[in-house]
């Protein structure tokens, strides 16, 4: 069963075109985990990849993939492959 949440528009804001809509939100949650830095989530301080800081950094691609996988597993996702 996938997670459900209020639908967001392309800018990440609540979709206000009519009534609130509920939609699958796994992709949005994964995007938020990858974009956020550690310490951003108050109840889960170790959650967050901070990909913006890593893109031009010296972190090897394999280590970055491991970090993404670890963070998704921390949030109870079943991860088979990170590409």
N, C-alpha and C. Protein backbone atom coordinates (compact mmCIF):
# COMPACT_ATOMS: atom_id res chain seq x y z
N UNK A 1 0.84 -1.18 0.00
CA UNK A 1 0.00 0.00 0.00
C UNK A 1 0.88 1.24 0.00
N UNK A 2 0.62 2.15 -0.90
CA UNK A 2 1.42 3.36 -0.98
C UNK A 2 0.86 4.44 -0.06
N UNK A 3 1.73 5.38 0.31
CA UNK A 3 1.32 6.47 1.18
C UNK A 3 0.44 7.46 0.42
N UNK A 4 -0.47 8.08 1.12
CA UNK A 4 -1.36 9.08 0.52
C UNK A 4 -1.12 10.41 1.21
N UNK A 5 -1.28 11.49 0.46
CA UNK A 5 -1.09 12.83 1.01
C UNK A 5 -1.83 13.83 0.13
N UNK A 6 -1.89 15.06 0.59
CA UNK A 6 -2.51 16.13 -0.20
C UNK A 6 -1.67 16.36 -1.44
N UNK A 7 -2.32 16.49 -2.59
CA UNK A 7 -1.63 16.67 -3.86
C UNK A 7 -0.92 18.01 -3.90
N UNK A 8 0.33 17.99 -4.40
CA UNK A 8 1.12 19.21 -4.57
C UNK A 8 1.23 19.54 -6.05
N UNK A 9 1.41 20.84 -6.36
CA UNK A 9 1.61 21.22 -7.75
C UNK A 9 3.09 21.09 -8.11
N UNK A 10 3.45 21.53 -9.32
CA UNK A 10 4.83 21.39 -9.79
C UNK A 10 5.83 22.19 -8.98
N UNK A 11 5.37 23.21 -8.24
CA UNK A 11 6.26 24.02 -7.42
C UNK A 11 6.38 23.50 -5.99
N UNK A 12 5.67 22.42 -5.68
CA UNK A 12 5.70 21.86 -4.34
C UNK A 12 4.70 22.50 -3.40
N UNK A 13 3.82 23.33 -3.93
CA UNK A 13 2.78 23.96 -3.13
C UNK A 13 1.51 23.12 -3.19
N UNK A 14 0.62 23.31 -2.22
CA UNK A 14 -0.65 22.58 -2.23
C UNK A 14 -1.44 22.96 -3.46
N UNK A 15 -1.95 21.96 -4.17
CA UNK A 15 -2.75 22.17 -5.38
C UNK A 15 -4.10 22.76 -4.98
N UNK A 16 -4.31 24.04 -5.31
CA UNK A 16 -5.53 24.74 -4.92
C UNK A 16 -6.52 24.90 -6.06
N UNK A 17 -6.41 24.07 -7.09
CA UNK A 17 -7.35 24.13 -8.21
C UNK A 17 -8.60 23.35 -7.85
N UNK A 18 -9.46 23.97 -7.06
CA UNK A 18 -10.68 23.30 -6.59
C UNK A 18 -10.49 22.75 -5.19
N UNK A 19 -11.17 21.65 -4.89
CA UNK A 19 -11.06 21.02 -3.58
C UNK A 19 -9.69 20.36 -3.42
N UNK A 20 -9.29 20.15 -2.15
CA UNK A 20 -8.05 19.43 -1.90
C UNK A 20 -8.15 18.05 -2.50
N UNK A 21 -7.06 17.60 -3.12
CA UNK A 21 -7.03 16.28 -3.72
C UNK A 21 -6.03 15.43 -2.95
N UNK A 22 -6.36 14.16 -2.77
CA UNK A 22 -5.46 13.20 -2.12
C UNK A 22 -4.90 12.30 -3.20
N UNK A 23 -3.60 12.07 -3.16
CA UNK A 23 -2.95 11.28 -4.19
C UNK A 23 -1.83 10.45 -3.58
N UNK A 24 -1.30 9.49 -4.35
CA UNK A 24 -0.14 8.73 -3.91
C UNK A 24 1.02 9.70 -3.73
N UNK A 25 1.81 9.51 -2.69
CA UNK A 25 2.84 10.49 -2.40
C UNK A 25 4.24 9.89 -2.23
N UNK A 26 4.43 8.63 -2.57
CA UNK A 26 5.75 8.02 -2.40
C UNK A 26 6.83 8.77 -3.17
N UNK A 27 6.54 9.15 -4.42
CA UNK A 27 7.55 9.86 -5.22
C UNK A 27 7.92 11.20 -4.58
N UNK A 28 6.93 11.90 -4.05
CA UNK A 28 7.18 13.19 -3.40
C UNK A 28 8.00 13.00 -2.13
N UNK A 29 7.67 11.98 -1.35
CA UNK A 29 8.42 11.70 -0.12
C UNK A 29 9.88 11.38 -0.44
N UNK A 30 10.10 10.56 -1.45
CA UNK A 30 11.46 10.20 -1.85
C UNK A 30 12.22 11.45 -2.31
N UNK A 31 11.57 12.29 -3.10
CA UNK A 31 12.20 13.53 -3.55
C UNK A 31 12.58 14.41 -2.36
N UNK A 32 11.70 14.52 -1.38
CA UNK A 32 11.98 15.35 -0.21
C UNK A 32 13.16 14.79 0.60
N UNK A 33 13.24 13.48 0.72
CA UNK A 33 14.35 12.86 1.45
C UNK A 33 15.67 13.14 0.73
N UNK A 34 15.68 13.02 -0.58
CA UNK A 34 16.91 13.22 -1.34
C UNK A 34 17.34 14.69 -1.32
N UNK A 35 16.39 15.61 -1.38
CA UNK A 35 16.73 17.03 -1.41
C UNK A 35 17.09 17.59 -0.04
N UNK A 36 16.48 17.08 1.03
CA UNK A 36 16.69 17.67 2.35
C UNK A 36 18.03 17.27 2.95
N UNK A 37 18.52 18.11 3.85
CA UNK A 37 19.76 17.84 4.56
C UNK A 37 19.45 17.16 5.89
N UNK A 38 20.44 16.47 6.44
CA UNK A 38 20.27 15.90 7.77
C UNK A 38 19.97 17.03 8.75
N UNK A 39 19.06 16.75 9.67
CA UNK A 39 18.67 17.75 10.66
C UNK A 39 17.43 18.53 10.27
N UNK A 40 16.98 18.41 9.03
CA UNK A 40 15.80 19.14 8.57
C UNK A 40 14.52 18.57 9.19
N UNK A 41 14.43 17.26 9.30
CA UNK A 41 13.25 16.60 9.83
C UNK A 41 13.39 16.48 11.34
N UNK A 42 12.62 17.24 12.08
CA UNK A 42 12.74 17.35 13.52
C UNK A 42 12.69 16.01 14.23
N UNK A 43 11.80 15.14 13.83
CA UNK A 43 11.66 13.85 14.51
C UNK A 43 12.63 12.79 13.99
N UNK A 44 13.29 13.07 12.88
CA UNK A 44 14.23 12.11 12.28
C UNK A 44 15.47 12.87 11.84
N UNK A 45 16.29 13.25 12.79
CA UNK A 45 17.42 14.15 12.52
C UNK A 45 18.47 13.56 11.58
N UNK A 46 18.56 12.25 11.47
CA UNK A 46 19.56 11.64 10.60
C UNK A 46 19.06 11.42 9.18
N UNK A 47 17.79 11.73 8.93
CA UNK A 47 17.20 11.52 7.61
C UNK A 47 17.50 12.71 6.70
N UNK A 48 17.96 12.44 5.50
CA UNK A 48 18.23 13.49 4.51
C UNK A 48 19.55 13.26 3.81
N UNK A 49 19.53 13.38 2.48
CA UNK A 49 20.74 13.16 1.67
C UNK A 49 21.46 14.48 1.41
N UNK A 50 20.72 15.55 1.15
CA UNK A 50 21.35 16.83 0.81
C UNK A 50 22.02 16.79 -0.54
N UNK A 51 21.30 16.27 -1.53
CA UNK A 51 21.88 16.05 -2.86
C UNK A 51 22.41 17.34 -3.50
N UNK A 52 21.79 18.47 -3.20
CA UNK A 52 22.24 19.75 -3.77
C UNK A 52 23.69 20.02 -3.38
N UNK A 53 24.05 19.69 -2.15
CA UNK A 53 25.42 19.90 -1.67
C UNK A 53 26.39 18.88 -2.24
N UNK A 54 25.89 17.75 -2.68
CA UNK A 54 26.75 16.65 -3.13
C UNK A 54 27.00 16.62 -4.63
N UNK A 55 26.17 17.29 -5.40
CA UNK A 55 26.26 17.19 -6.86
C UNK A 55 27.64 17.60 -7.37
N UNK A 56 28.15 18.71 -6.92
CA UNK A 56 29.46 19.17 -7.37
C UNK A 56 30.55 18.91 -6.35
N UNK A 57 30.26 18.08 -5.37
CA UNK A 57 31.22 17.77 -4.32
C UNK A 57 32.17 16.66 -4.73
N UNK A 58 32.95 16.23 -3.78
CA UNK A 58 33.95 15.20 -4.05
C UNK A 58 33.48 13.80 -3.66
N UNK A 59 32.21 13.66 -3.30
CA UNK A 59 31.68 12.35 -2.91
C UNK A 59 31.56 11.44 -4.13
N UNK A 60 32.18 10.27 -4.09
CA UNK A 60 32.07 9.33 -5.21
C UNK A 60 30.61 8.90 -5.43
N UNK A 61 30.27 8.61 -6.67
CA UNK A 61 28.90 8.24 -7.03
C UNK A 61 28.41 7.03 -6.24
N UNK A 62 29.27 6.04 -6.05
CA UNK A 62 28.87 4.84 -5.32
C UNK A 62 28.51 5.17 -3.87
N UNK A 63 29.27 6.04 -3.24
CA UNK A 63 28.99 6.44 -1.86
C UNK A 63 27.68 7.23 -1.79
N UNK A 64 27.44 8.07 -2.78
CA UNK A 64 26.20 8.85 -2.83
C UNK A 64 24.99 7.92 -2.99
N UNK A 65 25.11 6.90 -3.84
CA UNK A 65 24.03 5.92 -4.01
C UNK A 65 23.77 5.16 -2.71
N UNK A 66 24.83 4.81 -2.00
CA UNK A 66 24.67 4.12 -0.71
C UNK A 66 23.96 5.02 0.30
N UNK A 67 24.28 6.31 0.28
CA UNK A 67 23.65 7.27 1.19
C UNK A 67 22.16 7.40 0.87
N UNK A 68 21.82 7.45 -0.42
CA UNK A 68 20.41 7.52 -0.82
C UNK A 68 19.68 6.27 -0.37
N UNK A 69 20.28 5.12 -0.63
CA UNK A 69 19.65 3.85 -0.24
C UNK A 69 19.44 3.79 1.27
N UNK A 70 20.46 4.15 2.05
CA UNK A 70 20.37 4.11 3.51
C UNK A 70 19.25 5.01 4.01
N UNK A 71 19.12 6.21 3.44
CA UNK A 71 18.09 7.14 3.87
C UNK A 71 16.69 6.64 3.52
N UNK A 72 16.54 6.03 2.37
CA UNK A 72 15.23 5.50 1.99
C UNK A 72 14.84 4.31 2.88
N UNK A 73 15.82 3.48 3.22
CA UNK A 73 15.55 2.36 4.12
C UNK A 73 15.19 2.88 5.51
N UNK A 74 15.85 3.97 5.96
CA UNK A 74 15.51 4.58 7.24
C UNK A 74 14.05 5.01 7.29
N UNK A 75 13.50 5.36 6.14
CA UNK A 75 12.10 5.79 6.07
C UNK A 75 11.17 4.65 5.65
N UNK A 76 11.65 3.42 5.83
CA UNK A 76 10.86 2.20 5.60
C UNK A 76 10.51 1.92 4.14
N UNK A 77 11.32 2.40 3.21
CA UNK A 77 11.14 2.02 1.81
C UNK A 77 11.96 0.76 1.54
N UNK A 78 11.45 -0.09 0.67
CA UNK A 78 12.17 -1.27 0.23
C UNK A 78 12.92 -0.88 -1.04
N UNK A 79 14.25 -0.87 -0.96
CA UNK A 79 15.06 -0.39 -2.07
C UNK A 79 15.83 -1.56 -2.68
N UNK A 80 15.65 -1.76 -3.98
CA UNK A 80 16.37 -2.81 -4.66
C UNK A 80 17.58 -2.26 -5.41
N UNK A 81 17.40 -1.10 -6.05
CA UNK A 81 18.47 -0.55 -6.87
C UNK A 81 18.37 0.97 -6.90
N UNK A 82 19.50 1.63 -6.74
CA UNK A 82 19.57 3.09 -6.88
C UNK A 82 20.39 3.39 -8.10
N UNK A 83 19.80 4.09 -9.06
CA UNK A 83 20.52 4.40 -10.31
C UNK A 83 20.85 5.85 -10.39
